[in-house]
Structure formats: C-alpha cells, structure tokens
C-alpha cells in the first residue's frame, strides 16, 4: 500500500485528515501523525493487530512496546495503577508536554502493547492537532515515525520517505516542533523526557526536552538511571567487602549471589542483563541516540521486583480483563452518550 498524505492547511482539509485517521484507527490500521516533538506512527492502543502493524512498520519486536498518547490527564487514573504522589505531581506540572511517565498499567484493561510486564508509558502531547485526534480516537500507541536506526521524521515529507509504503495515512501538518529554528536538524530535535515512577523514587531513564533540574523542582528525590546504577554499584561493592570480611572471620569463602537493588529501583529502572543493548535505554528514537554508544530501544520493561510487587501481583491475578468496548466506555463515557 501507499499512504495517502493529508494536508491540514484549511478547515476542510483538517476535517478530512481527522476523519481519515479516525477511520484508520477504528479499522486497526496505522497512520503517521504530528506530535509536539516529532512525527509518530500511531495505532489504536486497544487493537492488538494495529499495535503489531506499528511494530512491523518500525522494524521492532514485541520486546519494544510503544508509548501511549492520551488527550488529557483526566484519563490517567483509568489507564494507570498505583499512581505515586510524584507521578501525579509530574503529570500536573508537565502535561501537556514532553514528559513521558512510566507507570503500572491498570490490570483490568484488555490491551496488548507487547511485552510490557505490567507497565505502560503515558504522555499528553502539547499539540492541539494531536490532542484533537486523540479526543476522537481515544488512547493511541505512538512511536516516533522512523525505521529502526534512522532519524525520526519531523515533517510529512520525511515521514513519507521512510514509511510511505508501511502506513495507511500521513497527516502533514508542517515542521515539528512548531516554531523550530530552521538551522536545527531533525537529528537534533529533543525527544520527550522519560521518567519511571513505578519505584520508590522517580528515575529519569532518558533526558530530553525537560531537564533534570526541572524534574527535581517538582520531584526532589528524582535520580537519573546512571546515578542509580552508580548507587547500586557502590552498594554491591560495600556488600562484597562486608561479606569477604565476614567470611574471613568465620573461616568461610565464597560470594553472595543476592541481587542488589537501589532505593527507587522500580521495574523499569532495573538493569537488563550485562551486554544487552536494552540495558539502561528506553524509547531512544530520534535524537536520544545522539550520545556515543546509545542504541535506539523502545521501552524495556522488567518484571516487578520491588517491595510492592507481591501484593500487586496477587491483585493483578484476580483482575477480570475488560473488553475493548467496556474499556472505551470507562475512559470516554461522554463519547458513548453522544453516540447514543
């Protein structure tokens, strides 16, 4: 297939584009839409087939689930579970905006974004056209509009070059971000900042358009993934030294195989096995791979192993998954009323 490109320079064109995207999402297809950072490949978050098409278009596996964009922060409680005060404060401070929050997913939602291990990355984009699309379609799984290893598209032409044969439609709304300096290349456009708020402390997994200083002004205990790894390394070294001293005193030898976890070490901040390209990386897409040695990886999720896991695991097992229609009615009751 070859994507149909929809400009939005007039009200008639805008309505035509919105209707085309709404239909593509309801049909379980994929489309490229603009966001406040870069263009993104979108699929209905409740459509397993649509999400798989998104991953196929990107050239990604189910181990790299896409984030989910929502129109308004009021939807957050319907999608997220066990929201911390830091998560709520960050959403209030930076939504709409370039802040992606990794949270526990509501266990009752019957969606399949890939191997999420019970988490989902949510964001409210600071782009009125994007939010208008989301108000019509509901939550959308959206990953940057690029093939794996290539720079994310920041206009409709770049999106068509990479994905024109892989998606149903492309909304061409001009350059993103809006007002970008013409001298700024697509590769230098900052992606959203990703913060894991599933642990005791917020862990900044990827710095982007929102700085660590801005985050700490709202969540003062926030820490970067690198700092967390350094803390864990220090704790490991201290435990090893203590163990060696204890072994020498007791006339024993050997090494402790206890897993060391730092404070605030939630399921998404946990390290991948040594040597894995996923270790310490999330939705790299676009400019996030600028740092030397970084490789683009979408949303690594690890099993929950922090102090809250046992209670939550039992509750998740008992949850009855909602059907798609039930989930939509829960999240968008006003839309259901309008349709009736």
C-alpha atoms as a PDB file:
ATOM      1  CA  UNK A   1       0.000   0.000   0.000  1.00  0.00           C
ATOM      2  CA  UNK A   2       0.993   3.639  -0.430  1.00  0.00           C
ATOM      3  CA  UNK A   3      -0.026   6.106   2.248  1.00  0.00           C
ATOM      4  CA  UNK A   4      -2.426   8.920   1.458  1.00  0.00           C
ATOM      5  CA  UNK A   5      -0.974  12.259   2.584  1.00  0.00           C
ATOM      6  CA  UNK A   6      -3.444  14.663   4.190  1.00  0.00           C
ATOM      7  CA  UNK A   7      -2.511  18.362   4.466  1.00  0.00           C
ATOM      8  CA  UNK A   8      -4.277  20.467   7.097  1.00  0.00           C
ATOM      9  CA  UNK A   9      -3.923  23.995   5.762  1.00  0.00           C
ATOM     10  CA  UNK A  10      -7.694  24.638   5.585  1.00  0.00           C
ATOM     11  CA  UNK A  11     -10.603  23.672   7.823  1.00  0.00           C
ATOM     12  CA  UNK A  12     -11.899  21.323   5.133  1.00  0.00           C
ATOM     13  CA  UNK A  13      -8.520  19.618   4.804  1.00  0.00           C
ATOM     14  CA  UNK A  14      -8.209  19.359   8.580  1.00  0.00           C
ATOM     15  CA  UNK A  15     -11.597  17.679   8.906  1.00  0.00           C
ATOM     16  CA  UNK A  16     -10.763  15.295   6.060  1.00  0.00           C
ATOM     17  CA  UNK A  17      -7.474  14.366   7.739  1.00  0.00           C
ATOM     18  CA  UNK A  18      -9.092  13.837  11.141  1.00  0.00           C
ATOM     19  CA  UNK A  19     -11.803  11.645   9.670  1.00  0.00           C
ATOM     20  CA  UNK A  20      -9.252   9.560   7.760  1.00  0.00           C
ATOM     21  CA  UNK A  21      -7.130   8.983  10.863  1.00  0.00           C
ATOM     22  CA  UNK A  22     -10.172   8.122  12.968  1.00  0.00           C
ATOM     23  CA  UNK A  23     -11.271   5.546  10.398  1.00  0.00           C
ATOM     24  CA  UNK A  24      -7.771   4.069  10.074  1.00  0.00           C
ATOM     25  CA  UNK A  25      -7.557   3.626  13.853  1.00  0.00           C
ATOM     26  CA  UNK A  26     -11.011   2.039  14.099  1.00  0.00           C
ATOM     27  CA  UNK A  27     -10.070  -0.324  11.266  1.00  0.00           C
ATOM     28  CA  UNK A  28      -6.977  -1.458  13.162  1.00  0.00           C
ATOM     29  CA  UNK A  29      -4.570   0.216  10.754  1.00  0.00           C
ATOM     30  CA  UNK A  30      -1.590   2.534  11.278  1.00  0.00           C
ATOM     31  CA  UNK A  31      -1.035   6.166  10.357  1.00  0.00           C
ATOM     32  CA  UNK A  32       1.568   8.878  10.882  1.00  0.00           C
ATOM     33  CA  UNK A  33       0.517  11.906  12.906  1.00  0.00           C
ATOM     34  CA  UNK A  34       2.373  15.006  14.136  1.00  0.00           C
ATOM     35  CA  UNK A  35       3.140  15.471  17.826  1.00  0.00           C
ATOM     36  CA  UNK A  36       4.768  18.284  19.795  1.00  0.00           C
ATOM     37  CA  UNK A  37       8.221  16.698  19.423  1.00  0.00           C
ATOM     38  CA  UNK A  38       8.465  14.608  16.232  1.00  0.00           C
ATOM     39  CA  UNK A  39       6.021  12.792  13.949  1.00  0.00           C
ATOM     40  CA  UNK A  40       4.834   9.412  15.214  1.00  0.00           C
ATOM     41  CA  UNK A  41       3.390   6.141  13.908  1.00  0.00           C
ATOM     42  CA  UNK A  42       0.006   5.688  15.565  1.00  0.00           C
ATOM     43  CA  UNK A  43      -2.272   2.705  16.173  1.00  0.00           C
ATOM     44  CA  UNK A  44      -5.314   2.140  18.362  1.00  0.00           C
ATOM     45  CA  UNK A  45      -3.877   1.190  21.754  1.00  0.00           C
ATOM     46  CA  UNK A  46      -6.696  -1.360  22.157  1.00  0.00           C
ATOM     47  CA  UNK A  47      -6.046  -3.010  18.784  1.00  0.00           C
ATOM     48  CA  UNK A  48      -3.568  -5.866  19.025  1.00  0.00           C
ATOM     49  CA  UNK A  49      -3.359  -6.069  15.237  1.00  0.00           C
ATOM     50  CA  UNK A  50      -2.823  -2.328  14.917  1.00  0.00           C
ATOM     51  CA  UNK A  51      -0.035  -2.327  17.510  1.00  0.00           C
ATOM     52  CA  UNK A  52       1.646  -5.232  15.732  1.00  0.00           C
ATOM     53  CA  UNK A  53       1.467  -3.323  12.443  1.00  0.00           C
ATOM     54  CA  UNK A  54       3.104  -0.373  14.190  1.00  0.00           C
ATOM     55  CA  UNK A  55       5.963  -2.577  15.413  1.00  0.00           C
ATOM     56  CA  UNK A  56       6.308  -4.110  11.949  1.00  0.00           C
ATOM     57  CA  UNK A  57       6.486  -0.673  10.342  1.00  0.00           C
ATOM     58  CA  UNK A  58       9.231   0.313  12.761  1.00  0.00           C
ATOM     59  CA  UNK A  59      11.084  -2.965  12.370  1.00  0.00           C
ATOM     60  CA  UNK A  60      10.768  -3.657  16.095  1.00  0.00           C
ATOM     61  CA  UNK A  61       9.893  -6.693  18.194  1.00  0.00           C
ATOM     62  CA  UNK A  62       7.302  -7.074  20.954  1.00  0.00           C
ATOM     63  CA  UNK A  63      10.132  -6.535  23.436  1.00  0.00           C
ATOM     64  CA  UNK A  64       9.984  -2.868  22.465  1.00  0.00           C
ATOM     65  CA  UNK A  65       6.378  -1.786  23.220  1.00  0.00           C
ATOM     66  CA  UNK A  66       5.324   1.708  22.120  1.00  0.00           C
ATOM     67  CA  UNK A  67       4.268   4.542  24.426  1.00  0.00           C
ATOM     68  CA  UNK A  68       0.620   5.597  24.627  1.00  0.00           C
ATOM     69  CA  UNK A  69      -0.551   9.161  23.982  1.00  0.00           C
ATOM     70  CA  UNK A  70      -3.681  10.447  25.698  1.00  0.00           C
ATOM     71  CA  UNK A  71      -5.679  13.631  25.145  1.00  0.00           C
ATOM     72  CA  UNK A  72      -5.965  14.756  28.733  1.00  0.00           C
ATOM     73  CA  UNK A  73      -4.510  13.951  32.146  1.00  0.00           C
ATOM     74  CA  UNK A  74      -8.005  13.146  33.425  1.00  0.00           C
ATOM     75  CA  UNK A  75      -7.688   9.796  31.611  1.00  0.00           C
ATOM     76  CA  UNK A  76      -4.593   8.877  33.651  1.00  0.00           C
ATOM     77  CA  UNK A  77      -6.402   7.110  36.550  1.00  0.00           C
ATOM     78  CA  UNK A  78      -8.299   4.962  34.057  1.00  0.00           C
ATOM     79  CA  UNK A  79      -5.081   3.664  32.490  1.00  0.00           C
ATOM     80  CA  UNK A  80      -2.576   3.717  35.342  1.00  0.00           C
ATOM     81  CA  UNK A  81      -2.474   1.755  38.590  1.00  0.00           C
ATOM     82  CA  UNK A  82      -0.938   2.695  41.956  1.00  0.00           C
ATOM     83  CA  UNK A  83      -0.023   6.233  40.975  1.00  0.00           C
ATOM     84  CA  UNK A  84       2.526   7.762  43.337  1.00  0.00           C
ATOM     85  CA  UNK A  85       2.336  11.362  44.523  1.00  0.00           C
ATOM     86  CA  UNK A  86       5.441  12.103  42.427  1.00  0.00           C
ATOM     87  CA  UNK A  87       3.744  10.702  39.315  1.00  0.00           C
ATOM     88  CA  UNK A  88       0.698  12.876  39.871  1.00  0.00           C
ATOM     89  CA  UNK A  89       2.842  15.949  40.552  1.00  0.00           C
ATOM     90  CA  UNK A  90       4.937  15.428  37.404  1.00  0.00           C
ATOM     91  CA  UNK A  91       1.830  14.952  35.265  1.00  0.00           C
ATOM     92  CA  UNK A  92       0.294  18.123  36.695  1.00  0.00           C
ATOM     93  CA  UNK A  93       3.479  20.124  36.118  1.00  0.00           C
ATOM     94  CA  UNK A  94       4.491  18.921  32.652  1.00  0.00           C
ATOM     95  CA  UNK A  95       1.320  17.779  30.859  1.00  0.00           C
ATOM     96  CA  UNK A  96       0.623  18.668  28.162  1.00  0.00           C
ATOM     97  CA  UNK A  97       4.281  18.478  27.262  1.00  0.00           C
ATOM     98  CA  UNK A  98       7.355  16.419  26.501  1.00  0.00           C
ATOM     99  CA  UNK A  99       7.168  14.263  29.634  1.00  0.00           C
ATOM    100  CA  UNK A 100       6.621  10.505  29.320  1.00  0.00           C
ATOM    101  CA  UNK A 101       5.714   8.780  32.574  1.00  0.00           C
ATOM    102  CA  UNK A 102       6.260   5.049  33.024  1.00  0.00           C
ATOM    103  CA  UNK A 103       3.542   3.748  35.336  1.00  0.00           C
ATOM    104  CA  UNK A 104       1.895   0.474  36.287  1.00  0.00           C
ATOM    105  CA  UNK A 105      -0.902  -0.347  33.846  1.00  0.00           C
ATOM    106  CA  UNK A 106      -4.445  -0.937  35.089  1.00  0.00           C
ATOM    107  CA  UNK A 107      -4.638  -4.754  35.183  1.00  0.00           C
ATOM    108  CA  UNK A 108      -8.269  -4.730  34.044  1.00  0.00           C
ATOM    109  CA  UNK A 109      -7.526  -3.141  30.654  1.00  0.00           C
ATOM    110  CA  UNK A 110      -7.628  -5.720  27.900  1.00  0.00           C
ATOM    111  CA  UNK A 111      -4.901  -4.344  25.641  1.00  0.00           C
ATOM    112  CA  UNK A 112      -1.701  -5.806  24.252  1.00  0.00           C
ATOM    113  CA  UNK A 113       1.166  -3.401  23.625  1.00  0.00           C
ATOM    114  CA  UNK A 114       3.843  -6.088  23.649  1.00  0.00           C
ATOM    115  CA  UNK A 115       5.927  -7.498  26.486  1.00  0.00           C
ATOM    116  CA  UNK A 116       5.143  -4.718  28.952  1.00  0.00           C
ATOM    117  CA  UNK A 117       5.439  -6.715  32.198  1.00  0.00           C
ATOM    118  CA  UNK A 118       2.566  -4.709  33.644  1.00  0.00           C
ATOM    119  CA  UNK A 119       3.711  -1.176  32.816  1.00  0.00           C
ATOM    120  CA  UNK A 120       2.799   1.476  30.267  1.00  0.00           C
ATOM    121  CA  UNK A 121       4.451   4.751  29.226  1.00  0.00           C
ATOM    122  CA  UNK A 122       1.928   7.609  29.008  1.00  0.00           C
ATOM    123  CA  UNK A 123       2.117  11.177  27.705  1.00  0.00           C
ATOM    124  CA  UNK A 124      -0.179  14.103  26.915  1.00  0.00           C
ATOM    125  CA  UNK A 125       1.364  15.899  23.906  1.00  0.00           C
ATOM    126  CA  UNK A 126       1.459  19.694  23.799  1.00  0.00           C
ATOM    127  CA  UNK A 127      -0.010  19.898  20.300  1.00  0.00           C
ATOM    128  CA  UNK A 128      -3.628  20.839  19.702  1.00  0.00           C
ATOM    129  CA  UNK A 129      -3.953  18.866  16.463  1.00  0.00           C
ATOM    130  CA  UNK A 130      -2.585  15.731  18.119  1.00  0.00           C
ATOM    131  CA  UNK A 131      -4.942  16.087  21.060  1.00  0.00           C
ATOM    132  CA  UNK A 132      -7.873  16.655  18.708  1.00  0.00           C
ATOM    133  CA  UNK A 133      -7.033  13.357  17.023  1.00  0.00           C
ATOM    134  CA  UNK A 134      -6.782  11.668  20.426  1.00  0.00           C
ATOM    135  CA  UNK A 135     -10.158  13.058  21.524  1.00  0.00           C
ATOM    136  CA  UNK A 136     -11.695  11.331  18.511  1.00  0.00           C
ATOM    137  CA  UNK A 137      -9.814   8.041  18.691  1.00  0.00           C
ATOM    138  CA  UNK A 138      -9.044   7.503  22.371  1.00  0.00           C
ATOM    139  CA  UNK A 139      -5.572   6.430  23.577  1.00  0.00           C
ATOM    140  CA  UNK A 140      -3.139   5.731  20.752  1.00  0.00           C
ATOM    141  CA  UNK A 141       0.028   3.683  20.783  1.00  0.00           C
ATOM    142  CA  UNK A 142       2.537   6.054  19.172  1.00  0.00           C
ATOM    143  CA  UNK A 143       6.218   5.594  18.426  1.00  0.00           C
ATOM    144  CA  UNK A 144       8.425   8.013  16.526  1.00  0.00           C
ATOM    145  CA  UNK A 145       7.980   7.938  12.762  1.00  0.00           C
ATOM    146  CA  UNK A 146      11.129   6.257  11.597  1.00  0.00           C
ATOM    147  CA  UNK A 147      12.571   2.904  10.728  1.00  0.00           C
ATOM    148  CA  UNK A 148      14.810   1.489  13.448  1.00  0.00           C
ATOM    149  CA  UNK A 149      18.230   3.120  13.366  1.00  0.00           C
ATOM    150  CA  UNK A 150      17.105   6.129  11.318  1.00  0.00           C
ATOM    151  CA  UNK A 151      16.277   9.666  12.425  1.00  0.00           C
ATOM    152  CA  UNK A 152      12.657  10.343  13.381  1.00  0.00           C
ATOM    153  CA  UNK A 153      10.638  12.322  10.857  1.00  0.00           C
ATOM    154  CA  UNK A 154       9.912  15.949  11.766  1.00  0.00           C
ATOM    155  CA  UNK A 155       7.712  16.738   8.751  1.00  0.00           C
ATOM    156  CA  UNK A 156       5.342  14.909   6.423  1.00  0.00           C
ATOM    157  CA  UNK A 157       7.886  14.539   3.624  1.00  0.00           C
ATOM    158  CA  UNK A 158      10.410  12.778   5.857  1.00  0.00           C
ATOM    159  CA  UNK A 159       7.647  10.524   7.193  1.00  0.00           C
ATOM    160  CA  UNK A 160       6.579   9.543   3.680  1.00  0.00           C
ATOM    161  CA  UNK A 161      10.166   8.772   2.635  1.00  0.00           C
ATOM    162  CA  UNK A 162      10.586   6.266   5.466  1.00  0.00           C
ATOM    163  CA  UNK A 163       7.075   4.933   5.956  1.00  0.00           C
ATOM    164  CA  UNK A 164       5.019   5.759   2.885  1.00  0.00           C
ATOM    165  CA  UNK A 165       4.719   2.084   1.967  1.00  0.00           C
ATOM    166  CA  UNK A 166       4.047   0.901   5.525  1.00  0.00           C
ATOM    167  CA  UNK A 167       1.141   3.001   6.836  1.00  0.00           C
ATOM    168  CA  UNK A 168      -2.397   3.856   5.734  1.00  0.00           C
ATOM    169  CA  UNK A 169      -2.235   7.649   6.003  1.00  0.00           C
ATOM    170  CA  UNK A 170       0.077  10.536   6.873  1.00  0.00           C
ATOM    171  CA  UNK A 171      -1.104  13.853   8.327  1.00  0.00           C
ATOM    172  CA  UNK A 172       1.239  16.573   7.057  1.00  0.00           C
ATOM    173  CA  UNK A 173       0.977  19.485   9.487  1.00  0.00           C
ATOM    174  CA  UNK A 174       4.333  21.060   8.736  1.00  0.00           C
ATOM    175  CA  UNK A 175       7.562  21.046  10.704  1.00  0.00           C
ATOM    176  CA  UNK A 176       7.687  19.752  14.257  1.00  0.00           C
ATOM    177  CA  UNK A 177       8.307  21.026  16.825  1.00  0.00           C
ATOM    178  CA  UNK A 178       6.247  24.072  15.840  1.00  0.00           C
ATOM    179  CA  UNK A 179       8.473  27.140  15.640  1.00  0.00           C
ATOM    180  CA  UNK A 180      11.658  25.098  15.321  1.00  0.00           C
ATOM    181  CA  UNK A 181      14.784  27.022  14.352  1.00  0.00           C
ATOM    182  CA  UNK A 182      15.407  26.353  10.645  1.00  0.00           C
ATOM    183  CA  UNK A 183      19.047  25.714  11.494  1.00  0.00           C
ATOM    184  CA  UNK A 184      18.097  22.814  13.801  1.00  0.00           C
ATOM    185  CA  UNK A 185      18.324  19.496  12.004  1.00  0.00           C
ATOM    186  CA  UNK A 186      15.836  16.667  12.532  1.00  0.00           C
ATOM    187  CA  UNK A 187      18.524  14.644  14.299  1.00  0.00           C
ATOM    188  CA  UNK A 188      18.900  17.394  16.917  1.00  0.00           C
ATOM    189  CA  UNK A 189      15.243  17.651  17.894  1.00  0.00           C
ATOM    190  CA  UNK A 190      14.951  16.716  21.560  1.00  0.00           C
ATOM    191  CA  UNK A 191      12.585  13.807  22.301  1.00  0.00           C
ATOM    192  CA  UNK A 192      10.386  13.623  25.360  1.00  0.00           C
ATOM    193  CA  UNK A 193      11.995  13.038  28.738  1.00  0.00           C
ATOM    194  CA  UNK A 194      11.127   9.601  30.161  1.00  0.00           C
ATOM    195  CA  UNK A 195      10.670   9.122  33.904  1.00  0.00           C
ATOM    196  CA  UNK A 196       9.991   5.787  35.603  1.00  0.00           C
ATOM    197  CA  UNK A 197       7.631   6.448  38.517  1.00  0.00           C
ATOM    198  CA  UNK A 198       6.985   2.815  39.471  1.00  0.00           C
ATOM    199  CA  UNK A 199       9.583   2.696  42.246  1.00  0.00           C
ATOM    200  CA  UNK A 200      10.220   4.499  45.497  1.00  0.00           C
ATOM    201  CA  UNK A 201      11.901   7.380  43.669  1.00  0.00           C
ATOM    202  CA  UNK A 202      11.343   8.764  40.178  1.00  0.00           C
ATOM    203  CA  UNK A 203      14.112   7.502  37.880  1.00  0.00           C
ATOM    204  CA  UNK A 204      14.928   9.603  34.821  1.00  0.00           C
ATOM    205  CA  UNK A 205      15.547   6.966  32.184  1.00  0.00           C
ATOM    206  CA  UNK A 206      16.050   9.388  29.307  1.00  0.00           C
ATOM    207  CA  UNK A 207      16.683  13.116  29.372  1.00  0.00           C
ATOM    208  CA  UNK A 208      15.082  15.049  26.556  1.00  0.00           C
ATOM    209  CA  UNK A 209      13.180  18.303  26.225  1.00  0.00           C
ATOM    210  CA  UNK A 210      12.620  18.540  30.000  1.00  0.00           C
ATOM    211  CA  UNK A 211      15.773  18.853  32.118  1.00  0.00           C
ATOM    212  CA  UNK A 212      16.692  17.070  35.335  1.00  0.00           C
ATOM    213  CA  UNK A 213      16.601  20.420  37.140  1.00  0.00           C
ATOM    214  CA  UNK A 214      13.004  20.965  36.042  1.00  0.00           C
ATOM    215  CA  UNK A 215      12.057  17.480  37.191  1.00  0.00           C
ATOM    216  CA  UNK A 216      13.727  17.883  40.587  1.00  0.00           C
ATOM    217  CA  UNK A 217      11.888  21.152  41.124  1.00  0.00           C
ATOM    218  CA  UNK A 218       8.713  19.047  41.223  1.00  0.00           C
ATOM    219  CA  UNK A 219      10.007  15.672  42.460  1.00  0.00           C
ATOM    220  CA  UNK A 220      13.083  16.455  44.537  1.00  0.00           C
ATOM    221  CA  UNK A 221      14.079  12.801  45.061  1.00  0.00           C
ATOM    222  CA  UNK A 222      14.323  12.149  41.316  1.00  0.00           C
ATOM    223  CA  UNK A 223      17.501  10.454  40.171  1.00  0.00           C
ATOM    224  CA  UNK A 224      18.969   9.590  36.790  1.00  0.00           C
ATOM    225  CA  UNK A 225      19.394   5.998  35.704  1.00  0.00           C
ATOM    226  CA  UNK A 226      23.178   6.494  35.642  1.00  0.00           C
ATOM    227  CA  UNK A 227      23.158   7.767  39.233  1.00  0.00           C
ATOM    228  CA  UNK A 228      21.008   4.843  40.289  1.00  0.00           C
ATOM    229  CA  UNK A 229      23.431   2.388  38.703  1.00  0.00           C
ATOM    230  CA  UNK A 230      26.327   4.092  40.486  1.00  0.00           C
ATOM    231  CA  UNK A 231      24.489   3.763  43.798  1.00  0.00           C
ATOM    232  CA  UNK A 232      23.799   0.098  43.146  1.00  0.00           C
ATOM    233  CA  UNK A 233      27.442  -0.460  42.224  1.00  0.00           C
ATOM    234  CA  UNK A 234      28.570   1.200  45.461  1.00  0.00           C
ATOM    235  CA  UNK A 235      26.136  -0.898  47.493  1.00  0.00           C
ATOM    236  CA  UNK A 236      27.326  -4.052  45.717  1.00  0.00           C
ATOM    237  CA  UNK A 237      30.963  -3.223  46.458  1.00  0.00           C
ATOM    238  CA  UNK A 238      30.204  -2.488  50.100  1.00  0.00           C
ATOM    239  CA  UNK A 239      28.245  -5.738  50.478  1.00  0.00           C
ATOM    240  CA  UNK A 240      31.027  -7.691  48.811  1.00  0.00           C
ATOM    241  CA  UNK A 241      33.632  -6.190  51.148  1.00  0.00           C
ATOM    242  CA  UNK A 242      31.478  -6.882  54.197  1.00  0.00           C
ATOM    243  CA  UNK A 243      30.882 -10.441  53.012  1.00  0.00           C
ATOM    244  CA  UNK A 244      34.595 -11.063  52.491  1.00  0.00           C
ATOM    245  CA  UNK A 245      35.385  -9.705  55.938  1.00  0.00           C
ATOM    246  CA  UNK A 246      32.633 -11.850  57.436  1.00  0.00           C
ATOM    247  CA  UNK A 247      33.830 -14.912  55.544  1.00  0.00           C
ATOM    248  CA  UNK A 248      37.392 -14.377  56.730  1.00  0.00           C
ATOM    249  CA  UNK A 249      36.209 -14.049  60.321  1.00  0.00           C
ATOM    250  CA  UNK A 250      34.096 -17.200  60.060  1.00  0.00           C
ATOM    251  CA  UNK A 251      36.630 -19.202  58.102  1.00  0.00           C
ATOM    252  CA  UNK A 252      34.354 -19.465  55.045  1.00  0.00           C
ATOM    253  CA  UNK A 253      34.753 -18.408  51.442  1.00  0.00           C
ATOM    254  CA  UNK A 254      32.504 -17.591  48.512  1.00  0.00           C
ATOM    255  CA  UNK A 255      30.497 -14.708  47.104  1.00  0.00           C
ATOM    256  CA  UNK A 256      26.976 -13.539  47.811  1.00  0.00           C
ATOM    257  CA  UNK A 257      24.533 -14.022  44.964  1.00  0.00           C
ATOM    258  CA  UNK A 258      21.934 -11.677  46.475  1.00  0.00           C
ATOM    259  CA  UNK A 259      20.558  -9.260  43.887  1.00  0.00           C
ATOM    260  CA  UNK A 260      21.343  -5.684  44.824  1.00  0.00           C
ATOM    261  CA  UNK A 261      18.662  -3.071  44.215  1.00  0.00           C
ATOM    262  CA  UNK A 262      18.962   0.609  44.928  1.00  0.00           C
ATOM    263  CA  UNK A 263      16.274   2.739  46.548  1.00  0.00           C
ATOM    264  CA  UNK A 264      13.695   3.839  43.996  1.00  0.00           C
ATOM    265  CA  UNK A 265      14.587   0.899  41.782  1.00  0.00           C
ATOM    266  CA  UNK A 266      11.256   0.239  40.070  1.00  0.00           C
ATOM    267  CA  UNK A 267      10.520  -2.374  37.392  1.00  0.00           C
ATOM    268  CA  UNK A 268      11.548  -0.117  34.511  1.00  0.00           C
ATOM    269  CA  UNK A 269      14.746   1.134  36.134  1.00  0.00           C
ATOM    270  CA  UNK A 270      16.102  -2.376  36.681  1.00  0.00           C
ATOM    271  CA  UNK A 271      19.136  -3.190  34.573  1.00  0.00           C
ATOM    272  CA  UNK A 272      18.968  -5.628  31.685  1.00  0.00           C
ATOM    273  CA  UNK A 273      21.470  -8.496  31.558  1.00  0.00           C
ATOM    274  CA  UNK A 274      25.026  -7.349  31.006  1.00  0.00           C
ATOM    275  CA  UNK A 275      25.763  -6.820  27.342  1.00  0.00           C
ATOM    276  CA  UNK A 276      22.118  -6.322  26.372  1.00  0.00           C
ATOM    277  CA  UNK A 277      21.515  -3.283  24.212  1.00  0.00           C
ATOM    278  CA  UNK A 278      18.376  -2.668  26.238  1.00  0.00           C
ATOM    279  CA  UNK A 279      20.342  -2.026  29.444  1.00  0.00           C
ATOM    280  CA  UNK A 280      19.547   1.472  30.624  1.00  0.00           C
ATOM    281  CA  UNK A 281      17.747   2.517  27.443  1.00  0.00           C
ATOM    282  CA  UNK A 282      14.139   3.219  26.534  1.00  0.00           C
ATOM    283  CA  UNK A 283      12.423   4.924  23.630  1.00  0.00           C
ATOM    284  CA  UNK A 284      15.602   6.148  22.002  1.00  0.00           C
ATOM    285  CA  UNK A 285      14.091   7.007  18.581  1.00  0.00           C
ATOM    286  CA  UNK A 286      15.198  10.343  17.083  1.00  0.00           C
ATOM    287  CA  UNK A 287      17.771  12.368  18.996  1.00  0.00           C
ATOM    288  CA  UNK A 288      18.000  10.107  22.039  1.00  0.00           C
ATOM    289  CA  UNK A 289      20.667   8.029  20.327  1.00  0.00           C
ATOM    290  CA  UNK A 290      22.936  11.028  19.846  1.00  0.00           C
ATOM    291  CA  UNK A 291      25.138  10.120  22.789  1.00  0.00           C
ATOM    292  CA  UNK A 292      28.038   7.888  21.887  1.00  0.00           C
ATOM    293  CA  UNK A 293      27.249   4.225  22.334  1.00  0.00           C
ATOM    294  CA  UNK A 294      23.490   4.686  22.731  1.00  0.00           C
ATOM    295  CA  UNK A 295      21.299   2.443  20.618  1.00  0.00           C
ATOM    296  CA  UNK A 296      17.597   3.004  19.891  1.00  0.00           C
ATOM    297  CA  UNK A 297      15.403   0.793  22.036  1.00  0.00           C
ATOM    298  CA  UNK A 298      11.731   1.258  22.860  1.00  0.00           C
ATOM    299  CA  UNK A 299      10.523   0.818  26.390  1.00  0.00           C
ATOM    300  CA  UNK A 300      12.336  -2.051  28.011  1.00  0.00           C
ATOM    301  CA  UNK A 301      10.220  -3.401  30.820  1.00  0.00           C
ATOM    302  CA  UNK A 302      11.434  -5.696  33.576  1.00  0.00           C
ATOM    303  CA  UNK A 303       9.407  -7.794  35.973  1.00  0.00           C
ATOM    304  CA  UNK A 304       8.302  -6.094  39.148  1.00  0.00           C
ATOM    305  CA  UNK A 305      10.643  -6.977  41.986  1.00  0.00           C
ATOM    306  CA  UNK A 306      10.352  -4.059  44.384  1.00  0.00           C
ATOM    307  CA  UNK A 307       8.653  -4.127  47.775  1.00  0.00           C
ATOM    308  CA  UNK A 308       5.186  -3.600  46.340  1.00  0.00           C
ATOM    309  CA  UNK A 309       5.269  -6.456  43.890  1.00  0.00           C
ATOM    310  CA  UNK A 310       3.820  -9.364  45.877  1.00  0.00           C
ATOM    311  CA  UNK A 311       0.608  -7.597  46.879  1.00  0.00           C
ATOM    312  CA  UNK A 312       0.127  -6.098  43.442  1.00  0.00           C
ATOM    313  CA  UNK A 313       0.830  -9.407  41.703  1.00  0.00           C
ATOM    314  CA  UNK A 314      -1.956 -11.151  43.628  1.00  0.00           C
ATOM    315  CA  UNK A 315      -4.391  -8.346  42.838  1.00  0.00           C
ATOM    316  CA  UNK A 316      -3.467  -8.416  39.163  1.00  0.00           C
ATOM    317  CA  UNK A 317      -4.135 -12.155  39.024  1.00  0.00           C
ATOM    318  CA  UNK A 318      -7.652 -11.596  40.359  1.00  0.00           C
ATOM    319  CA  UNK A 319      -8.484  -8.771  37.930  1.00  0.00           C
ATOM    320  CA  UNK A 320     -11.047  -9.506  35.233  1.00  0.00           C
ATOM    321  CA  UNK A 321      -9.827  -8.042  31.931  1.00  0.00           C
ATOM    322  CA  UNK A 322     -12.236  -5.536  30.435  1.00  0.00           C
ATOM    323  CA  UNK A 323     -13.258  -5.898  26.824  1.00  0.00           C
ATOM    324  CA  UNK A 324     -12.431  -3.128  24.376  1.00  0.00           C
ATOM    325  CA  UNK A 325     -15.974  -1.718  24.421  1.00  0.00           C
ATOM    326  CA  UNK A 326     -16.027  -1.776  28.230  1.00  0.00           C
ATOM    327  CA  UNK A 327     -12.658  -0.019  28.394  1.00  0.00           C
ATOM    328  CA  UNK A 328     -13.765   2.679  25.982  1.00  0.00           C
ATOM    329  CA  UNK A 329     -16.985   3.221  27.942  1.00  0.00           C
ATOM    330  CA  UNK A 330     -14.957   3.561  31.133  1.00  0.00           C
ATOM    331  CA  UNK A 331     -12.498   6.049  29.652  1.00  0.00           C
ATOM    332  CA  UNK A 332     -14.845   8.031  27.456  1.00  0.00           C
ATOM    333  CA  UNK A 333     -18.373   7.903  28.898  1.00  0.00           C
ATOM    334  CA  UNK A 334     -19.234  11.263  27.345  1.00  0.00           C
ATOM    335  CA  UNK A 335     -18.456   9.936  23.874  1.00  0.00           C
ATOM    336  CA  UNK A 336     -20.710   6.960  24.433  1.00  0.00           C
ATOM    337  CA  UNK A 337     -23.566   9.273  25.400  1.00  0.00           C
ATOM    338  CA  UNK A 338     -23.041  11.389  22.304  1.00  0.00           C
ATOM    339  CA  UNK A 339     -23.072   8.337  20.042  1.00  0.00           C
ATOM    340  CA  UNK A 340     -26.276   7.048  21.586  1.00  0.00           C
END
